[in-house]
PDB file of N, CA and C in Angstrom:
ATOM      1  N   MET A   1      88.533 114.189 128.752  1.00  0.00           N
ATOM      2  CA  MET A   1      87.729 114.213 129.887  1.00  0.00           C
ATOM      3  C   MET A   1      88.032 115.492 130.644  1.00  0.00           C
ATOM      4  N   SER A   2      86.997 115.896 131.319  1.00  0.00           N
ATOM      5  CA  SER A   2      87.193 117.109 132.138  1.00  0.00           C
ATOM      6  C   SER A   2      87.511 116.847 133.573  1.00  0.00           C
ATOM      7  N   GLY A   3      88.334 117.663 134.123  1.00  0.00           N
ATOM      8  CA  GLY A   3      88.512 117.431 135.612  1.00  0.00           C
ATOM      9  C   GLY A   3      87.729 118.341 136.516  1.00  0.00           C
ATOM     10  N   ALA A   4      86.694 118.937 136.028  1.00  0.00           N
ATOM     11  CA  ALA A   4      85.856 119.801 136.659  1.00  0.00           C
ATOM     12  C   ALA A   4      85.055 118.969 137.705  1.00  0.00           C
ATOM     13  N   GLY A   5      84.943 119.385 138.899  1.00  0.00           N
ATOM     14  CA  GLY A   5      84.172 118.746 139.944  1.00  0.00           C
ATOM     15  C   GLY A   5      84.801 117.408 140.479  1.00  0.00           C
ATOM     16  N   THR A   6      86.013 117.147 140.072  1.00  0.00           N
ATOM     17  CA  THR A   6      86.634 115.958 140.692  1.00  0.00           C
ATOM     18  C   THR A   6      88.053 116.415 141.326  1.00  0.00           C
ATOM     19  N   ASN A   7      88.397 115.602 142.279  1.00  0.00           N
ATOM     20  CA  ASN A   7      89.636 115.814 142.867  1.00  0.00           C
ATOM     21  C   ASN A   7      90.727 114.725 142.534  1.00  0.00           C
ATOM     22  N   LEU A   8      91.502 115.101 141.627  1.00  0.00           N
ATOM     23  CA  LEU A   8      92.438 114.346 140.986  1.00  0.00           C
ATOM     24  C   LEU A   8      93.763 114.257 141.841  1.00  0.00           C
ATOM     25  N   GLU A   9      93.867 115.104 142.785  1.00  0.00           N
ATOM     26  CA  GLU A   9      95.098 115.033 143.561  1.00  0.00           C
ATOM     27  C   GLU A   9      95.042 113.891 144.621  1.00  0.00           C
ATOM     28  N   PRO A  10      96.135 113.207 144.999  1.00  0.00           N
ATOM     29  CA  PRO A  10      96.139 112.228 145.947  1.00  0.00           C
ATOM     30  C   PRO A  10      95.879 112.888 147.374  1.00  0.00           C
ATOM     31  N   GLN A  11      95.337 112.039 148.146  1.00  0.00           N
ATOM     32  CA  GLN A  11      95.187 112.580 149.450  1.00  0.00           C
ATOM     33  C   GLN A  11      96.442 112.398 150.323  1.00  0.00           C
ATOM     34  N   LEU A  12      96.900 113.552 151.002  1.00  0.00           N
ATOM     35  CA  LEU A  12      98.081 113.637 151.790  1.00  0.00           C
ATOM     36  C   LEU A  12      97.717 112.988 153.170  1.00  0.00           C
ATOM     37  N   LEU A  13      98.682 112.254 153.632  1.00  0.00           N
ATOM     38  CA  LEU A  13      98.548 111.561 154.918  1.00  0.00           C
ATOM     39  C   LEU A  13      99.434 112.215 155.921  1.00  0.00           C
ATOM     40  N   GLY A  14      99.053 112.326 157.141  1.00  0.00           N
ATOM     41  CA  GLY A  14      99.799 113.001 158.121  1.00  0.00           C
ATOM     42  C   GLY A  14      99.601 112.139 159.487  1.00  0.00           C
ATOM     43  N   LEU A  15     100.693 112.049 160.168  1.00  0.00           N
ATOM     44  CA  LEU A  15     100.570 111.340 161.426  1.00  0.00           C
ATOM     45  C   LEU A  15     101.119 112.402 162.439  1.00  0.00           C
ATOM     46  N   GLU A  16     100.266 112.494 163.487  1.00  0.00           N
ATOM     47  CA  GLU A  16     100.708 113.535 164.622  1.00  0.00           C
ATOM     48  C   GLU A  16     101.581 112.622 165.501  1.00  0.00           C
ATOM     49  N   CYS A  17     102.567 113.490 165.906  1.00  0.00           N
ATOM     50  CA  CYS A  17     103.428 112.891 166.813  1.00  0.00           C
ATOM     51  C   CYS A  17     104.002 114.124 167.797  1.00  0.00           C
ATOM     52  N   GLN A  18     103.704 113.861 169.024  1.00  0.00           N
ATOM     53  CA  GLN A  18     104.129 114.915 169.965  1.00  0.00           C
ATOM     54  C   GLN A  18     105.606 114.965 170.180  1.00  0.00           C
ATOM     55  N   VAL A  19     106.153 116.144 170.597  1.00  0.00           N
ATOM     56  CA  VAL A  19     107.609 116.449 170.819  1.00  0.00           C
ATOM     57  C   VAL A  19     107.908 115.335 172.011  1.00  0.00           C
ATOM     58  N   PRO A  20     109.094 114.596 171.887  1.00  0.00           N
ATOM     59  CA  PRO A  20     110.181 114.713 171.184  1.00  0.00           C
ATOM     60  C   PRO A  20     110.252 113.823 169.979  1.00  0.00           C
ATOM     61  N   TRP A  21     109.169 112.975 169.962  1.00  0.00           N
ATOM     62  CA  TRP A  21     109.193 111.729 169.031  1.00  0.00           C
ATOM     63  C   TRP A  21     109.557 112.041 167.563  1.00  0.00           C
ATOM     64  N   PRO A  22     108.930 113.126 166.923  1.00  0.00           N
ATOM     65  CA  PRO A  22     109.302 113.255 165.445  1.00  0.00           C
ATOM     66  C   PRO A  22     110.808 113.362 165.209  1.00  0.00           C
ATOM     67  N   ALA A  23     111.583 113.956 166.010  1.00  0.00           N
ATOM     68  CA  ALA A  23     113.046 114.185 165.814  1.00  0.00           C
ATOM     69  C   ALA A  23     113.718 112.812 165.963  1.00  0.00           C
ATOM     70  N   ASN A  24     113.156 112.069 166.862  1.00  0.00           N
ATOM     71  CA  ASN A  24     113.834 110.711 167.121  1.00  0.00           C
ATOM     72  C   ASN A  24     113.534 109.825 165.886  1.00  0.00           C
ATOM     73  N   ILE A  25     112.249 109.948 165.263  1.00  0.00           N
ATOM     74  CA  ILE A  25     111.954 109.149 164.085  1.00  0.00           C
ATOM     75  C   ILE A  25     112.824 109.532 162.958  1.00  0.00           C
ATOM     76  N   LEU A  26     112.870 110.861 162.759  1.00  0.00           N
ATOM     77  CA  LEU A  26     113.625 111.271 161.506  1.00  0.00           C
ATOM     78  C   LEU A  26     115.159 111.082 161.672  1.00  0.00           C
ATOM     79  N   SER A  27     115.720 111.126 162.771  1.00  0.00           N
ATOM     80  CA  SER A  27     117.093 110.924 162.968  1.00  0.00           C
ATOM     81  C   SER A  27     117.519 109.393 162.839  1.00  0.00           C
ATOM     82  N   GLY A  28     116.391 108.501 162.779  1.00  0.00           N
ATOM     83  CA  GLY A  28     116.636 107.153 162.930  1.00  0.00           C
ATOM     84  C   GLY A  28     116.850 106.460 164.232  1.00  0.00           C
ATOM     85  N   SER A  29     116.824 107.257 165.378  1.00  0.00           N
ATOM     86  CA  SER A  29     117.138 106.532 166.473  1.00  0.00           C
ATOM     87  C   SER A  29     115.838 105.820 166.977  1.00  0.00           C
ATOM     88  N   LYS A  30     114.677 106.202 166.363  1.00  0.00           N
ATOM     89  CA  LYS A  30     113.376 105.389 166.731  1.00  0.00           C
ATOM     90  C   LYS A  30     112.861 104.929 165.510  1.00  0.00           C
ATOM     91  N   THR A  31     112.814 103.637 165.354  1.00  0.00           N
ATOM     92  CA  THR A  31     112.416 102.915 164.124  1.00  0.00           C
ATOM     93  C   THR A  31     111.131 102.169 164.188  1.00  0.00           C
ATOM     94  N   VAL A  32     110.524 102.206 165.240  1.00  0.00           N
ATOM     95  CA  VAL A  32     109.183 101.597 165.521  1.00  0.00           C
ATOM     96  C   VAL A  32     108.243 102.625 166.158  1.00  0.00           C
ATOM     97  N   GLU A  33     107.281 103.169 165.559  1.00  0.00           N
ATOM     98  CA  GLU A  33     106.368 104.041 166.132  1.00  0.00           C
ATOM     99  C   GLU A  33     105.216 103.236 166.745  1.00  0.00           C
ATOM    100  N   LEU A  34     104.804 103.536 168.145  1.00  0.00           N
ATOM    101  CA  LEU A  34     103.751 102.973 168.700  1.00  0.00           C
ATOM    102  C   LEU A  34     102.524 103.551 168.639  1.00  0.00           C
ATOM    103  N   ARG A  35     101.562 102.725 168.539  1.00  0.00           N
ATOM    104  CA  ARG A  35     100.116 103.194 168.318  1.00  0.00           C
ATOM    105  C   ARG A  35      99.277 102.182 168.803  1.00  0.00           C
ATOM    106  N   THR A  36      98.154 102.550 169.476  1.00  0.00           N
ATOM    107  CA  THR A  36      97.180 101.537 170.042  1.00  0.00           C
ATOM    108  C   THR A  36      96.362 101.049 168.959  1.00  0.00           C
ATOM    109  N   TYR A  37      96.378 101.430 167.739  1.00  0.00           N
ATOM    110  CA  TYR A  37      95.675 100.960 166.637  1.00  0.00           C
ATOM    111  C   TYR A  37      96.675 100.391 165.545  1.00  0.00           C
ATOM    112  N   PRO A  38      96.156  99.543 164.655  1.00  0.00           N
ATOM    113  CA  PRO A  38      96.990  98.915 163.515  1.00  0.00           C
ATOM    114  C   PRO A  38      97.167 100.044 162.401  1.00  0.00           C
ATOM    115  N   LEU A  39      98.256  99.923 161.678  1.00  0.00           N
ATOM    116  CA  LEU A  39      98.536 100.673 160.569  1.00  0.00           C
ATOM    117  C   LEU A  39      97.552 100.228 159.512  1.00  0.00           C
ATOM    118  N   ARG A  40      96.831 101.149 158.869  1.00  0.00           N
ATOM    119  CA  ARG A  40      95.916 100.785 157.923  1.00  0.00           C
ATOM    120  C   ARG A  40      96.780 100.206 156.614  1.00  0.00           C
ATOM    121  N   PRO A  41      96.285  99.172 156.156  1.00  0.00           N
ATOM    122  CA  PRO A  41      97.171  98.455 155.037  1.00  0.00           C
ATOM    123  C   PRO A  41      97.334  99.479 153.812  1.00  0.00           C
ATOM    124  N   GLU A  42      96.361 100.423 153.551  1.00  0.00           N
ATOM    125  CA  GLU A  42      96.737 101.345 152.352  1.00  0.00           C
ATOM    126  C   GLU A  42      97.719 102.341 152.687  1.00  0.00           C
ATOM    127  N   TRP A  43      98.155 102.499 153.950  1.00  0.00           N
ATOM    128  CA  TRP A  43      99.310 103.363 154.469  1.00  0.00           C
ATOM    129  C   TRP A  43     100.603 102.794 154.258  1.00  0.00           C
ATOM    130  N   SER A  44     100.738 101.494 154.311  1.00  0.00           N
ATOM    131  CA  SER A  44     102.057 100.986 154.132  1.00  0.00           C
ATOM    132  C   SER A  44     102.570 101.129 152.879  1.00  0.00           C
ATOM    133  N   GLY A  45     103.793 101.710 152.765  1.00  0.00           N
ATOM    134  CA  GLY A  45     104.601 101.982 151.611  1.00  0.00           C
ATOM    135  C   GLY A  45     104.253 103.400 150.936  1.00  0.00           C
ATOM    136  N   ARG A  46     103.442 104.216 151.720  1.00  0.00           N
ATOM    137  CA  ARG A  46     103.051 105.562 151.275  1.00  0.00           C
ATOM    138  C   ARG A  46     103.820 106.605 152.033  1.00  0.00           C
ATOM    139  N   LYS A  47     104.085 107.679 151.380  1.00  0.00           N
ATOM    140  CA  LYS A  47     104.650 108.852 152.133  1.00  0.00           C
ATOM    141  C   LYS A  47     103.662 109.414 153.175  1.00  0.00           C
ATOM    142  N   ILE A  48     104.112 109.432 154.454  1.00  0.00           N
ATOM    143  CA  ILE A  48     103.284 109.975 155.442  1.00  0.00           C
ATOM    144  C   ILE A  48     104.150 111.097 156.073  1.00  0.00           C
ATOM    145  N   TRP A  49     103.361 112.333 156.223  1.00  0.00           N
ATOM    146  CA  TRP A  49     104.036 113.459 156.662  1.00  0.00           C
ATOM    147  C   TRP A  49     103.910 113.374 158.152  1.00  0.00           C
ATOM    148  N   LEU A  50     105.076 113.844 158.999  1.00  0.00           N
ATOM    149  CA  LEU A  50     104.965 113.799 160.265  1.00  0.00           C
ATOM    150  C   LEU A  50     104.602 115.214 160.750  1.00  0.00           C
ATOM    151  N   LEU A  51     103.623 115.311 161.578  1.00  0.00           N
ATOM    152  CA  LEU A  51     103.108 116.622 162.065  1.00  0.00           C
ATOM    153  C   LEU A  51     103.523 116.741 163.618  1.00  0.00           C
ATOM    154  N   GLU A  52     104.354 117.600 163.846  1.00  0.00           N
ATOM    155  CA  GLU A  52     104.838 117.671 165.165  1.00  0.00           C
ATOM    156  C   GLU A  52     103.946 118.641 166.054  1.00  0.00           C
ATOM    157  N   THR A  53     103.555 118.236 167.147  1.00  0.00           N
ATOM    158  CA  THR A  53     102.646 119.005 168.042  1.00  0.00           C
ATOM    159  C   THR A  53     103.367 119.096 169.400  1.00  0.00           C
ATOM    160  N   PRO A  54     103.029 120.059 170.337  1.00  0.00           N
ATOM    161  CA  PRO A  54     103.760 120.163 171.510  1.00  0.00           C
ATOM    162  C   PRO A  54     103.437 118.897 172.322  1.00  0.00           C
ATOM    163  N   ALA A  55     104.228 118.696 173.424  1.00  0.00           N
ATOM    164  CA  ALA A  55     103.979 117.611 174.249  1.00  0.00           C
ATOM    165  C   ALA A  55     102.748 117.766 174.985  1.00  0.00           C
ATOM    166  N   GLY A  56     101.906 116.650 175.055  1.00  0.00           N
ATOM    167  CA  GLY A  56     100.625 116.735 175.713  1.00  0.00           C
ATOM    168  C   GLY A  56     100.370 115.422 176.514  1.00  0.00           C
ATOM    169  N   GLN A  57      99.150 114.997 176.377  1.00  0.00           N
ATOM    170  CA  GLN A  57      98.763 113.834 177.022  1.00  0.00           C
ATOM    171  C   GLN A  57      99.097 112.598 176.134  1.00  0.00           C
ATOM    172  N   PRO A  58      99.896 111.699 176.641  1.00  0.00           N
ATOM    173  CA  PRO A  58     100.358 110.484 175.796  1.00  0.00           C
ATOM    174  C   PRO A  58      99.141 109.694 175.278  1.00  0.00           C
ATOM    175  N   GLY A  59      99.181 109.344 173.998  1.00  0.00           N
ATOM    176  CA  GLY A  59      98.175 108.607 173.411  1.00  0.00           C
ATOM    177  C   GLY A  59      96.908 109.430 173.152  1.00  0.00           C
ATOM    178  N   ARG A  60      96.845 110.534 173.235  1.00  0.00           N
ATOM    179  CA  ARG A  60      95.760 111.416 172.989  1.00  0.00           C
ATOM    180  C   ARG A  60      96.033 112.496 171.914  1.00  0.00           C
ATOM    181  N   SER A  61      95.373 112.312 170.764  1.00  0.00           N
ATOM    182  CA  SER A  61      95.619 113.323 169.707  1.00  0.00           C
ATOM    183  C   SER A  61      95.145 114.756 170.038  1.00  0.00           C
ATOM    184  N   SER A  62      95.605 115.854 169.636  1.00  0.00           N
ATOM    185  CA  SER A  62      95.182 117.100 169.766  1.00  0.00           C
ATOM    186  C   SER A  62      94.573 117.749 168.547  1.00  0.00           C
ATOM    187  N   LEU A  63      94.672 116.887 167.527  1.00  0.00           N
ATOM    188  CA  LEU A  63      94.189 117.194 166.176  1.00  0.00           C
ATOM    189  C   LEU A  63      92.936 116.422 165.641  1.00  0.00           C
ATOM    190  N   PRO A  64      92.243 117.110 164.767  1.00  0.00           N
ATOM    191  CA  PRO A  64      91.085 116.523 164.211  1.00  0.00           C
ATOM    192  C   PRO A  64      91.531 115.718 163.031  1.00  0.00           C
ATOM    193  N   ASP A  65      90.527 114.933 162.446  1.00  0.00           N
ATOM    194  CA  ASP A  65      91.021 114.035 161.269  1.00  0.00           C
ATOM    195  C   ASP A  65      91.502 115.039 160.066  1.00  0.00           C
ATOM    196  N   ASN A  66      90.790 116.002 159.840  1.00  0.00           N
ATOM    197  CA  ASN A  66      91.047 117.057 158.681  1.00  0.00           C
ATOM    198  C   ASN A  66      91.860 118.159 159.453  1.00  0.00           C
ATOM    199  N   VAL A  67      93.160 118.218 159.305  1.00  0.00           N
ATOM    200  CA  VAL A  67      93.932 119.294 160.017  1.00  0.00           C
ATOM    201  C   VAL A  67      93.984 120.661 159.282  1.00  0.00           C
ATOM    202  N   PRO A  68      93.475 121.628 160.197  1.00  0.00           N
ATOM    203  CA  PRO A  68      93.550 122.972 159.524  1.00  0.00           C
ATOM    204  C   PRO A  68      94.918 123.536 159.788  1.00  0.00           C
ATOM    205  N   SER A  69      95.329 124.565 159.078  1.00  0.00           N
ATOM    206  CA  SER A  69      96.555 125.307 159.250  1.00  0.00           C
ATOM    207  C   SER A  69      96.496 125.818 160.744  1.00  0.00           C
ATOM    208  N   THR A  70      97.520 125.718 161.480  1.00  0.00           N
ATOM    209  CA  THR A  70      97.667 126.279 162.934  1.00  0.00           C
ATOM    210  C   THR A  70      99.076 126.326 163.305  1.00  0.00           C
ATOM    211  N   GLU A  71      99.220 127.315 164.131  1.00  0.00           N
ATOM    212  CA  GLU A  71     100.595 127.523 164.663  1.00  0.00           C
ATOM    213  C   GLU A  71     101.275 126.414 165.414  1.00  0.00           C
ATOM    214  N   HIS A  72     100.352 125.604 166.027  1.00  0.00           N
ATOM    215  CA  HIS A  72     100.971 124.626 167.068  1.00  0.00           C
ATOM    216  C   HIS A  72     101.339 123.290 166.370  1.00  0.00           C
ATOM    217  N   VAL A  73     101.099 123.189 164.951  1.00  0.00           N
ATOM    218  CA  VAL A  73     101.363 121.980 164.138  1.00  0.00           C
ATOM    219  C   VAL A  73     102.436 122.421 163.200  1.00  0.00           C
ATOM    220  N   LYS A  74     103.579 121.653 163.165  1.00  0.00           N
ATOM    221  CA  LYS A  74     104.605 121.800 162.297  1.00  0.00           C
ATOM    222  C   LYS A  74     104.765 120.632 161.359  1.00  0.00           C
ATOM    223  N   VAL A  75     104.943 120.651 160.153  1.00  0.00           N
ATOM    224  CA  VAL A  75     105.291 119.633 159.231  1.00  0.00           C
ATOM    225  C   VAL A  75     106.785 119.455 159.285  1.00  0.00           C
ATOM    226  N   VAL A  76     107.367 118.385 159.842  1.00  0.00           N
ATOM    227  CA  VAL A  76     108.770 118.377 160.144  1.00  0.00           C
ATOM    228  C   VAL A  76     109.429 117.446 159.152  1.00  0.00           C
ATOM    229  N   GLY A  77     108.824 116.622 158.371  1.00  0.00           N
ATOM    230  CA  GLY A  77     109.407 115.598 157.574  1.00  0.00           C
ATOM    231  C   GLY A  77     108.413 114.595 157.054  1.00  0.00           C
ATOM    232  N   TRP A  78     108.997 113.413 156.586  1.00  0.00           N
ATOM    233  CA  TRP A  78     107.933 112.352 156.223  1.00  0.00           C
ATOM    234  C   TRP A  78     108.605 111.125 156.468  1.00  0.00           C
ATOM    235  N   VAL A  79     107.812 110.094 156.470  1.00  0.00           N
ATOM    236  CA  VAL A  79     108.376 108.575 156.698  1.00  0.00           C
ATOM    237  C   VAL A  79     107.450 107.634 155.773  1.00  0.00           C
ATOM    238  N   VAL A  80     108.096 106.543 155.614  1.00  0.00           N
ATOM    239  CA  VAL A  80     107.395 105.574 154.846  1.00  0.00           C
ATOM    240  C   VAL A  80     107.363 104.254 155.629  1.00  0.00           C
ATOM    241  N   PHE A  81     106.254 103.845 156.169  1.00  0.00           N
ATOM    242  CA  PHE A  81     106.220 102.549 157.002  1.00  0.00           C
ATOM    243  C   PHE A  81     106.013 101.318 155.999  1.00  0.00           C
ATOM    244  N   GLY A  82     106.959 100.424 156.486  1.00  0.00           N
ATOM    245  CA  GLY A  82     107.119  99.253 155.676  1.00  0.00           C
ATOM    246  C   GLY A  82     106.235  98.035 156.264  1.00  0.00           C
ATOM    247  N   GLY A  83     105.583  98.246 157.371  1.00  0.00           N
ATOM    248  CA  GLY A  83     104.749  97.201 157.986  1.00  0.00           C
ATOM    249  C   GLY A  83     104.464  97.444 159.573  1.00  0.00           C
ATOM    250  N   MET A  84     104.086  96.438 160.135  1.00  0.00           N
ATOM    251  CA  MET A  84     103.833  96.562 161.482  1.00  0.00           C
ATOM    252  C   MET A  84     104.390  95.554 162.380  1.00  0.00           C
ATOM    253  N   VAL A  85     104.564  95.990 163.588  1.00  0.00           N
ATOM    254  CA  VAL A  85     105.138  95.032 164.600  1.00  0.00           C
ATOM    255  C   VAL A  85     103.896  94.805 165.680  1.00  0.00           C
ATOM    256  N   HIS A  86     103.522  93.606 165.880  1.00  0.00           N
ATOM    257  CA  HIS A  86     102.478  93.447 166.947  1.00  0.00           C
ATOM    258  C   HIS A  86     102.988  92.739 168.168  1.00  0.00           C
ATOM    259  N   TYR A  87     103.167  93.409 169.250  1.00  0.00           N
ATOM    260  CA  TYR A  87     103.715  92.825 170.509  1.00  0.00           C
ATOM    261  C   TYR A  87     102.594  91.974 171.169  1.00  0.00           C
ATOM    262  N   THR A  88     102.867  90.791 171.454  1.00  0.00           N
ATOM    263  CA  THR A  88     101.908  89.881 172.101  1.00  0.00           C
ATOM    264  C   THR A  88     102.067  89.719 173.611  1.00  0.00           C
ATOM    265  N   ASN A  89     103.301  90.307 174.108  1.00  0.00           N
ATOM    266  CA  ASN A  89     103.585  90.146 175.623  1.00  0.00           C
ATOM    267  C   ASN A  89     104.332  91.281 176.076  1.00  0.00           C
ATOM    268  N   GLN A  90     104.435  91.538 177.345  1.00  0.00           N
ATOM    269  CA  GLN A  90     105.383  92.572 177.756  1.00  0.00           C
ATOM    270  C   GLN A  90     106.748  92.320 177.650  1.00  0.00           C
ATOM    271  N   GLU A  91     107.184  91.175 177.599  1.00  0.00           N
ATOM    272  CA  GLU A  91     108.651  90.853 177.442  1.00  0.00           C
ATOM    273  C   GLU A  91     109.142  91.049 176.235  1.00  0.00           C
ATOM    274  N   ASP A  92     108.307  90.761 175.086  1.00  0.00           N
ATOM    275  CA  ASP A  92     108.731  91.144 173.693  1.00  0.00           C
ATOM    276  C   ASP A  92     108.852  92.701 173.346  1.00  0.00           C
ATOM    277  N   PHE A  93     107.871  93.391 174.142  1.00  0.00           N
ATOM    278  CA  PHE A  93     107.703  94.827 174.029  1.00  0.00           C
ATOM    279  C   PHE A  93     109.096  95.491 174.690  1.00  0.00           C
ATOM    280  N   GLU A  94     109.389  94.945 175.820  1.00  0.00           N
ATOM    281  CA  GLU A  94     110.647  95.499 176.527  1.00  0.00           C
ATOM    282  C   GLU A  94     111.922  95.025 175.784  1.00  0.00           C
ATOM    283  N   ARG A  95     111.850  94.066 175.153  1.00  0.00           N
ATOM    284  CA  ARG A  95     112.955  93.415 174.380  1.00  0.00           C
ATOM    285  C   ARG A  95     113.216  94.353 173.170  1.00  0.00           C
ATOM    286  N   ASP A  96     112.292  94.826 172.674  1.00  0.00           N
ATOM    287  CA  ASP A  96     112.337  95.771 171.533  1.00  0.00           C
ATOM    288  C   ASP A  96     112.575  97.282 171.858  1.00  0.00           C
ATOM    289  N   LEU A  97     112.952  97.578 172.955  1.00  0.00           N
ATOM    290  CA  LEU A  97     113.228  99.011 173.533  1.00  0.00           C
ATOM    291  C   LEU A  97     113.999  99.855 172.649  1.00  0.00           C
ATOM    292  N   THR A  98     115.021  99.165 172.094  1.00  0.00           N
ATOM    293  CA  THR A  98     116.072  99.946 171.307  1.00  0.00           C
ATOM    294  C   THR A  98     115.259 100.439 169.923  1.00  0.00           C
ATOM    295  N   ARG A  99     114.399  99.822 169.509  1.00  0.00           N
ATOM    296  CA  ARG A  99     113.862 100.224 168.294  1.00  0.00           C
ATOM    297  C   ARG A  99     112.572 101.245 168.449  1.00  0.00           C
ATOM    298  N   HIS A 100     111.727 100.951 169.587  1.00  0.00           N
ATOM    299  CA  HIS A 100     110.562 101.750 169.850  1.00  0.00           C
ATOM    300  C   HIS A 100     111.052 103.013 171.008  1.00  0.00           C
ATOM    301  N   THR A 101     111.957 102.761 171.702  1.00  0.00           N
ATOM    302  CA  THR A 101     112.686 103.747 172.543  1.00  0.00           C
ATOM    303  C   THR A 101     111.464 104.362 173.772  1.00  0.00           C
ATOM    304  N   VAL A 102     110.618 103.656 173.982  1.00  0.00           N
ATOM    305  CA  VAL A 102     109.766 103.829 175.041  1.00  0.00           C
ATOM    306  C   VAL A 102     110.085 103.102 176.190  1.00  0.00           C
ATOM    307  N   THR A 103     110.439 103.798 177.185  1.00  0.00           N
ATOM    308  CA  THR A 103     110.960 103.130 178.569  1.00  0.00           C
ATOM    309  C   THR A 103     109.896 102.885 179.390  1.00  0.00           C
ATOM    310  N   PRO A 104     110.000 101.719 180.116  1.00  0.00           N
ATOM    311  CA  PRO A 104     108.823 101.266 181.037  1.00  0.00           C
ATOM    312  C   PRO A 104     108.646 102.360 181.893  1.00  0.00           C
ATOM    313  N   GLY A 105     107.557 102.702 182.395  1.00  0.00           N
ATOM    314  CA  GLY A 105     107.195 103.797 183.388  1.00  0.00           C
ATOM    315  C   GLY A 105     107.229 105.169 182.937  1.00  0.00           C
ATOM    316  N   SER A 106     107.381 105.467 181.646  1.00  0.00           N
ATOM    317  CA  SER A 106     107.563 106.666 181.088  1.00  0.00           C
ATOM    318  C   SER A 106     106.251 107.333 180.981  1.00  0.00           C
ATOM    319  N   GLY A 107     105.141 106.651 180.830  1.00  0.00           N
ATOM    320  CA  GLY A 107     103.878 107.242 180.673  1.00  0.00           C
ATOM    321  C   GLY A 107     103.393 107.290 179.290  1.00  0.00           C
ATOM    322  N   SER A 108     104.242 107.162 178.350  1.00  0.00           N
ATOM    323  CA  SER A 108     104.000 107.117 176.994  1.00  0.00           C
ATOM    324  C   SER A 108     103.149 105.975 176.522  1.00  0.00           C
ATOM    325  N   VAL A 109     102.347 106.129 175.526  1.00  0.00           N
ATOM    326  CA  VAL A 109     101.365 105.112 175.041  1.00  0.00           C
ATOM    327  C   VAL A 109     102.154 103.768 174.852  1.00  0.00           C
ATOM    328  N   ARG A 110     101.461 102.838 175.253  1.00  0.00           N
ATOM    329  CA  ARG A 110     102.018 101.409 174.883  1.00  0.00           C
ATOM    330  C   ARG A 110     100.842 100.760 174.112  1.00  0.00           C
ATOM    331  N   PRO A 111     101.315  99.695 173.143  1.00  0.00           N
ATOM    332  CA  PRO A 111     100.226  99.161 172.258  1.00  0.00           C
ATOM    333  C   PRO A 111      99.490  98.196 173.213  1.00  0.00           C
ATOM    334  N   THR A 112      98.254  97.953 172.827  1.00  0.00           N
ATOM    335  CA  THR A 112      97.414  96.956 173.625  1.00  0.00           C
ATOM    336  C   THR A 112      97.998  95.648 173.198  1.00  0.00           C
ATOM    337  N   MET A 113      98.114  94.673 174.167  1.00  0.00           N
ATOM    338  CA  MET A 113      98.527  93.368 173.958  1.00  0.00           C
ATOM    339  C   MET A 113      97.422  92.388 174.228  1.00  0.00           C
TER     340      MET A 113
END
């Protein structure tokens, strides 16, 4: 079978994280990453590259879906997500502070509840 005209290489997945979050994730001090959208089921258990971008507006990506090579994006490591945490109320969210490390009033993105 010929590989001509086919892409046999698996798709690389990247997750944009603004400074300082990638370092916290890679050091293990942040074990829950917050997003306003659910983790896609096919991403669970897969290697996902962390793309570090400069601090900007919390919750707003500065990258397109297909990321070109650029100076302001650094691949700093990778993670494997094992599942999701869904917070149903503010109390549960605040109780889990030691895992997600997002302090109340910080302006960082909070998941929708």
